[in-house]
Amino acid sequence: MSVKERVVFLDSAAFSAGDLPIPSFDHNWSEYPDTEAADLVPRLFWATTAITHACPIDAGAIVQLHKLARIVVTGPAAVDADACEARGIALQTLPAREPTSGTPGQTLIDLLEALVDEARR
């Protein structure tokens, strides 16, 4: 039996409405147009996956997020890579897409599905 993923997109306003397809893995999805620093830990507390575009995630937050398994960065957000490594959290940056590839949202969902699939093996 697989575990339901809890995905939190901290600043989804960076993507256009309707640009994010629904992932195929079993999940709960929460998204916020933007996230202030004071809201970061409460929003990610139960998350297994965090997505951030410009919302920074520092070591002080990472140490409090015991369920977090992966962070996907879609833009210029600063994420403490050393803190992620120390906690075994996978840190991925959304790759630049080719002009012939899908939308940024589809590229993000494809990356999420690959990361979740890899973790379940």
N, C-alpha and C. Protein backbone atom coordinates (compact mmCIF):
# COMPACT_ATOMS: atom_id res chain seq x y z
N MET A 1 0.84 -1.18 0.00
CA MET A 1 0.00 0.00 0.00
C MET A 1 0.88 1.24 0.00
N SER A 2 0.59 2.16 -0.90
CA SER A 2 1.41 3.36 -0.99
C SER A 2 0.89 4.45 -0.05
N VAL A 3 1.79 5.31 0.33
CA VAL A 3 1.46 6.42 1.22
C VAL A 3 0.97 7.58 0.38
N LYS A 4 -0.07 8.25 0.86
CA LYS A 4 -0.59 9.41 0.16
C LYS A 4 0.38 10.57 0.32
N GLU A 5 0.78 11.14 -0.78
CA GLU A 5 1.67 12.30 -0.77
C GLU A 5 0.88 13.55 -0.39
N ARG A 6 1.53 14.43 0.33
CA ARG A 6 0.95 15.74 0.67
C ARG A 6 1.82 16.80 0.02
N VAL A 7 1.30 17.38 -1.04
CA VAL A 7 2.03 18.35 -1.86
C VAL A 7 1.53 19.75 -1.52
N VAL A 8 2.48 20.66 -1.24
CA VAL A 8 2.13 22.05 -0.94
C VAL A 8 2.92 22.95 -1.89
N PHE A 9 2.18 23.75 -2.65
CA PHE A 9 2.78 24.74 -3.54
C PHE A 9 2.69 26.08 -2.82
N LEU A 10 3.83 26.61 -2.40
CA LEU A 10 3.87 27.79 -1.55
C LEU A 10 3.53 29.10 -2.26
N ASP A 11 3.79 29.16 -3.55
CA ASP A 11 3.54 30.41 -4.28
C ASP A 11 3.13 30.12 -5.73
N SER A 12 1.94 29.57 -5.85
CA SER A 12 1.46 29.12 -7.15
C SER A 12 1.09 30.25 -8.10
N ALA A 13 1.08 31.49 -7.63
CA ALA A 13 0.76 32.62 -8.50
C ALA A 13 1.78 32.75 -9.64
N ALA A 14 2.93 32.11 -9.49
CA ALA A 14 3.95 32.12 -10.54
C ALA A 14 3.48 31.35 -11.78
N PHE A 15 2.47 30.50 -11.62
CA PHE A 15 1.92 29.73 -12.74
C PHE A 15 0.54 30.27 -13.08
N SER A 16 0.18 30.19 -14.33
CA SER A 16 -1.14 30.68 -14.74
C SER A 16 -2.22 29.68 -14.31
N ALA A 17 -3.41 30.19 -14.10
CA ALA A 17 -4.54 29.35 -13.69
C ALA A 17 -4.76 28.26 -14.73
N GLY A 18 -4.95 27.05 -14.26
CA GLY A 18 -5.21 25.93 -15.16
C GLY A 18 -3.97 25.35 -15.80
N ASP A 19 -2.79 25.87 -15.44
CA ASP A 19 -1.55 25.39 -16.04
C ASP A 19 -1.03 24.12 -15.38
N LEU A 20 -1.57 23.77 -14.22
CA LEU A 20 -1.07 22.61 -13.48
C LEU A 20 -2.01 21.42 -13.63
N PRO A 21 -1.60 20.40 -14.38
CA PRO A 21 -2.42 19.19 -14.46
C PRO A 21 -2.44 18.47 -13.12
N ILE A 22 -3.34 17.55 -12.95
CA ILE A 22 -3.46 16.78 -11.72
C ILE A 22 -2.46 15.63 -11.76
N PRO A 23 -1.61 15.51 -10.73
CA PRO A 23 -0.66 14.38 -10.71
C PRO A 23 -1.39 13.04 -10.66
N SER A 24 -0.76 12.01 -11.19
CA SER A 24 -1.39 10.69 -11.24
C SER A 24 -1.21 9.90 -9.94
N PHE A 25 -0.28 10.31 -9.08
CA PHE A 25 -0.07 9.57 -7.83
C PHE A 25 -1.09 10.00 -6.79
N ASP A 26 -1.32 9.14 -5.79
CA ASP A 26 -2.28 9.41 -4.72
C ASP A 26 -1.75 10.56 -3.86
N HIS A 27 -2.54 11.65 -3.74
CA HIS A 27 -2.03 12.83 -3.07
C HIS A 27 -3.13 13.74 -2.55
N ASN A 28 -2.73 14.60 -1.63
CA ASN A 28 -3.51 15.78 -1.24
C ASN A 28 -2.71 16.96 -1.75
N TRP A 29 -3.37 17.92 -2.35
CA TRP A 29 -2.70 19.07 -2.97
C TRP A 29 -3.22 20.34 -2.31
N SER A 30 -2.30 21.18 -1.86
CA SER A 30 -2.65 22.50 -1.34
C SER A 30 -1.80 23.51 -2.08
N GLU A 31 -2.40 24.63 -2.43
CA GLU A 31 -1.61 25.67 -3.08
C GLU A 31 -2.04 27.03 -2.57
N TYR A 32 -1.07 27.92 -2.53
CA TYR A 32 -1.28 29.28 -2.04
C TYR A 32 -0.68 30.24 -3.06
N PRO A 33 -1.35 31.37 -3.32
CA PRO A 33 -0.80 32.33 -4.29
C PRO A 33 0.59 32.82 -3.88
N ASP A 34 0.78 33.02 -2.57
CA ASP A 34 2.09 33.37 -2.02
C ASP A 34 2.12 32.98 -0.55
N THR A 35 3.29 32.94 0.02
CA THR A 35 3.46 32.53 1.41
C THR A 35 4.42 33.47 2.11
N GLU A 36 3.99 34.02 3.22
CA GLU A 36 4.85 34.85 4.06
C GLU A 36 5.71 33.94 4.94
N ALA A 37 6.84 34.45 5.42
CA ALA A 37 7.77 33.66 6.23
C ALA A 37 7.08 33.05 7.46
N ALA A 38 6.18 33.79 8.09
CA ALA A 38 5.50 33.28 9.29
C ALA A 38 4.56 32.12 8.99
N ASP A 39 4.14 31.97 7.75
CA ASP A 39 3.21 30.91 7.36
C ASP A 39 3.92 29.67 6.81
N LEU A 40 5.22 29.76 6.59
CA LEU A 40 5.96 28.69 5.92
C LEU A 40 5.87 27.35 6.67
N VAL A 41 6.27 27.31 7.92
CA VAL A 41 6.27 26.04 8.67
C VAL A 41 4.86 25.51 8.87
N PRO A 42 3.87 26.32 9.26
CA PRO A 42 2.52 25.76 9.39
C PRO A 42 1.99 25.16 8.08
N ARG A 43 2.29 25.78 6.96
CA ARG A 43 1.80 25.25 5.68
C ARG A 43 2.51 23.98 5.27
N LEU A 44 3.77 23.83 5.64
CA LEU A 44 4.55 22.66 5.23
C LEU A 44 4.64 21.58 6.29
N PHE A 45 4.06 21.80 7.45
CA PHE A 45 4.27 20.89 8.58
C PHE A 45 3.96 19.43 8.25
N TRP A 46 2.88 19.16 7.55
CA TRP A 46 2.50 17.77 7.19
C TRP A 46 2.89 17.40 5.77
N ALA A 47 3.54 18.30 5.05
CA ALA A 47 3.86 18.08 3.64
C ALA A 47 4.96 17.04 3.46
N THR A 48 4.83 16.25 2.41
CA THR A 48 5.92 15.37 1.98
C THR A 48 6.69 16.02 0.83
N THR A 49 6.01 16.91 0.10
CA THR A 49 6.62 17.62 -1.02
C THR A 49 6.28 19.10 -0.94
N ALA A 50 7.30 19.94 -1.06
CA ALA A 50 7.10 21.39 -1.13
C ALA A 50 7.50 21.85 -2.51
N ILE A 51 6.71 22.77 -3.06
CA ILE A 51 7.05 23.41 -4.32
C ILE A 51 7.14 24.90 -4.03
N THR A 52 8.24 25.51 -4.45
CA THR A 52 8.41 26.94 -4.26
C THR A 52 8.96 27.58 -5.51
N HIS A 53 8.47 28.77 -5.79
CA HIS A 53 8.99 29.53 -6.92
C HIS A 53 9.95 30.61 -6.41
N ALA A 54 9.47 31.43 -5.49
CA ALA A 54 10.29 32.52 -4.97
C ALA A 54 10.32 32.56 -3.45
N CYS A 55 9.59 31.67 -2.81
CA CYS A 55 9.52 31.64 -1.34
C CYS A 55 10.76 30.93 -0.79
N PRO A 56 11.62 31.63 -0.03
CA PRO A 56 12.81 30.98 0.50
C PRO A 56 12.48 29.97 1.60
N ILE A 57 13.29 28.92 1.68
CA ILE A 57 13.15 27.92 2.75
C ILE A 57 14.53 27.77 3.38
N ASP A 58 14.65 28.22 4.63
CA ASP A 58 15.95 28.20 5.29
C ASP A 58 16.08 27.00 6.24
N ALA A 59 17.28 26.86 6.81
CA ALA A 59 17.57 25.73 7.69
C ALA A 59 16.65 25.71 8.91
N GLY A 60 16.30 26.89 9.43
CA GLY A 60 15.42 26.95 10.59
C GLY A 60 14.05 26.35 10.31
N ALA A 61 13.56 26.52 9.10
CA ALA A 61 12.28 25.91 8.72
C ALA A 61 12.46 24.42 8.45
N ILE A 62 13.50 24.07 7.71
CA ILE A 62 13.71 22.68 7.31
C ILE A 62 13.81 21.76 8.52
N VAL A 63 14.47 22.19 9.57
CA VAL A 63 14.65 21.35 10.75
C VAL A 63 13.32 21.03 11.44
N GLN A 64 12.29 21.83 11.20
CA GLN A 64 10.97 21.62 11.81
C GLN A 64 10.04 20.75 10.96
N LEU A 65 10.45 20.41 9.76
CA LEU A 65 9.55 19.74 8.81
C LEU A 65 9.92 18.26 8.70
N HIS A 66 9.44 17.48 9.64
CA HIS A 66 9.84 16.08 9.78
C HIS A 66 9.28 15.15 8.72
N LYS A 67 8.23 15.53 8.04
CA LYS A 67 7.65 14.66 7.01
C LYS A 67 8.17 14.99 5.61
N LEU A 68 8.81 16.14 5.47
CA LEU A 68 9.23 16.62 4.16
C LEU A 68 10.28 15.70 3.55
N ALA A 69 10.02 15.23 2.34
CA ALA A 69 10.93 14.32 1.65
C ALA A 69 11.58 14.96 0.44
N ARG A 70 10.93 15.99 -0.12
CA ARG A 70 11.47 16.60 -1.33
C ARG A 70 11.00 18.04 -1.46
N ILE A 71 11.85 18.86 -2.08
CA ILE A 71 11.52 20.25 -2.39
C ILE A 71 11.82 20.44 -3.87
N VAL A 72 10.86 21.02 -4.58
CA VAL A 72 11.05 21.36 -5.99
C VAL A 72 11.03 22.88 -6.11
N VAL A 73 12.09 23.42 -6.70
CA VAL A 73 12.22 24.86 -6.89
C VAL A 73 11.93 25.16 -8.35
N THR A 74 10.94 26.03 -8.58
CA THR A 74 10.53 26.36 -9.95
C THR A 74 11.05 27.71 -10.42
N GLY A 75 11.73 28.43 -9.54
CA GLY A 75 12.22 29.77 -9.89
C GLY A 75 13.42 30.16 -9.05
N PRO A 76 13.49 31.44 -8.65
CA PRO A 76 14.69 31.95 -7.96
C PRO A 76 14.73 31.71 -6.45
N ALA A 77 13.84 30.92 -5.90
CA ALA A 77 13.80 30.72 -4.45
C ALA A 77 15.12 30.21 -3.91
N ALA A 78 15.51 30.76 -2.77
CA ALA A 78 16.72 30.28 -2.07
C ALA A 78 16.30 29.20 -1.09
N VAL A 79 16.86 28.01 -1.23
CA VAL A 79 16.59 26.89 -0.34
C VAL A 79 17.93 26.42 0.21
N ASP A 80 17.99 26.20 1.51
CA ASP A 80 19.23 25.78 2.15
C ASP A 80 19.56 24.33 1.77
N ALA A 81 20.44 24.19 0.80
CA ALA A 81 20.79 22.86 0.28
C ALA A 81 21.51 22.01 1.33
N ASP A 82 22.34 22.64 2.16
CA ASP A 82 23.05 21.88 3.21
C ASP A 82 22.07 21.30 4.23
N ALA A 83 21.08 22.08 4.61
CA ALA A 83 20.06 21.60 5.56
C ALA A 83 19.25 20.47 4.94
N CYS A 84 18.94 20.59 3.64
CA CYS A 84 18.22 19.51 2.96
C CYS A 84 19.06 18.23 2.95
N GLU A 85 20.32 18.36 2.62
CA GLU A 85 21.19 17.19 2.58
C GLU A 85 21.30 16.54 3.96
N ALA A 86 21.43 17.36 5.00
CA ALA A 86 21.55 16.83 6.36
C ALA A 86 20.31 16.07 6.80
N ARG A 87 19.15 16.47 6.30
CA ARG A 87 17.89 15.81 6.66
C ARG A 87 17.45 14.76 5.65
N GLY A 88 18.22 14.56 4.58
CA GLY A 88 17.86 13.57 3.57
C GLY A 88 16.72 14.01 2.68
N ILE A 89 16.54 15.30 2.54
CA ILE A 89 15.47 15.85 1.70
C ILE A 89 16.02 16.07 0.29
N ALA A 90 15.34 15.49 -0.68
CA ALA A 90 15.74 15.67 -2.08
C ALA A 90 15.40 17.09 -2.51
N LEU A 91 16.37 17.77 -3.11
CA LEU A 91 16.18 19.14 -3.59
C LEU A 91 16.37 19.13 -5.10
N GLN A 92 15.33 19.53 -5.81
CA GLN A 92 15.36 19.53 -7.27
C GLN A 92 14.96 20.91 -7.79
N THR A 93 15.60 21.31 -8.86
CA THR A 93 15.21 22.53 -9.56
C THR A 93 14.50 22.13 -10.84
N LEU A 94 13.39 22.79 -11.12
CA LEU A 94 12.65 22.50 -12.34
C LEU A 94 13.55 22.81 -13.53
N PRO A 95 13.81 21.83 -14.38
CA PRO A 95 14.70 22.09 -15.51
C PRO A 95 14.07 23.05 -16.50
N ALA A 96 14.94 23.78 -17.19
CA ALA A 96 14.45 24.66 -18.25
C ALA A 96 13.79 23.77 -19.30
N ARG A 97 12.66 24.22 -19.78
CA ARG A 97 11.96 23.39 -20.75
C ARG A 97 12.35 23.77 -22.17
N GLU A 98 12.29 22.80 -23.01
CA GLU A 98 12.56 23.02 -24.42
C GLU A 98 11.35 23.70 -25.05
N PRO A 99 11.55 24.53 -26.07
CA PRO A 99 10.41 25.21 -26.70
C PRO A 99 9.34 24.24 -27.21
N THR A 100 9.74 23.01 -27.54
CA THR A 100 8.78 22.04 -28.08
C THR A 100 8.14 21.19 -26.99
N SER A 101 8.59 21.36 -25.74
CA SER A 101 8.03 20.55 -24.66
C SER A 101 6.73 21.16 -24.16
N GLY A 102 6.12 20.52 -23.18
CA GLY A 102 4.84 20.98 -22.65
C GLY A 102 4.95 22.28 -21.87
N THR A 103 3.88 22.62 -21.24
CA THR A 103 3.83 23.84 -20.44
C THR A 103 4.72 23.71 -19.21
N PRO A 104 5.06 24.83 -18.56
CA PRO A 104 5.84 24.73 -17.32
C PRO A 104 5.11 23.87 -16.27
N GLY A 105 3.78 23.98 -16.23
CA GLY A 105 3.01 23.18 -15.28
C GLY A 105 3.14 21.70 -15.56
N GLN A 106 3.09 21.31 -16.82
CA GLN A 106 3.23 19.90 -17.17
C GLN A 106 4.64 19.41 -16.86
N THR A 107 5.63 20.26 -17.12
CA THR A 107 7.02 19.90 -16.79
C THR A 107 7.16 19.68 -15.29
N LEU A 108 6.53 20.53 -14.48
CA LEU A 108 6.57 20.39 -13.02
C LEU A 108 5.92 19.08 -12.58
N ILE A 109 4.74 18.79 -13.10
CA ILE A 109 4.03 17.56 -12.72
C ILE A 109 4.82 16.33 -13.15
N ASP A 110 5.41 16.38 -14.33
CA ASP A 110 6.24 15.25 -14.79
C ASP A 110 7.41 15.01 -13.83
N LEU A 111 8.05 16.09 -13.39
CA LEU A 111 9.16 15.97 -12.44
C LEU A 111 8.67 15.40 -11.11
N LEU A 112 7.54 15.91 -10.60
CA LEU A 112 6.98 15.40 -9.35
C LEU A 112 6.69 13.91 -9.44
N GLU A 113 6.05 13.50 -10.52
CA GLU A 113 5.72 12.09 -10.68
C GLU A 113 6.98 11.22 -10.74
N ALA A 114 8.03 11.70 -11.40
CA ALA A 114 9.28 10.95 -11.44
C ALA A 114 9.91 10.84 -10.06
N LEU A 115 9.89 11.93 -9.29
CA LEU A 115 10.48 11.91 -7.95
C LEU A 115 9.71 10.98 -7.01
N VAL A 116 8.39 11.03 -7.06
CA VAL A 116 7.59 10.17 -6.20
C VAL A 116 7.78 8.71 -6.62
N ASP A 117 7.78 8.45 -7.90
CA ASP A 117 7.98 7.08 -8.38
C ASP A 117 9.35 6.55 -7.93
N GLU A 118 10.38 7.37 -8.05
CA GLU A 118 11.72 6.95 -7.62
C GLU A 118 11.77 6.66 -6.11
N ALA A 119 11.10 7.48 -5.32
CA ALA A 119 11.09 7.29 -3.87
C ALA A 119 10.35 6.01 -3.47
N ARG A 120 9.40 5.58 -4.26
CA ARG A 120 8.61 4.40 -3.92
C ARG A 120 9.28 3.11 -4.35
N ARG A 121 10.36 3.18 -5.06
CA ARG A 121 11.07 1.96 -5.51
C ARG A 121 11.95 1.43 -4.43
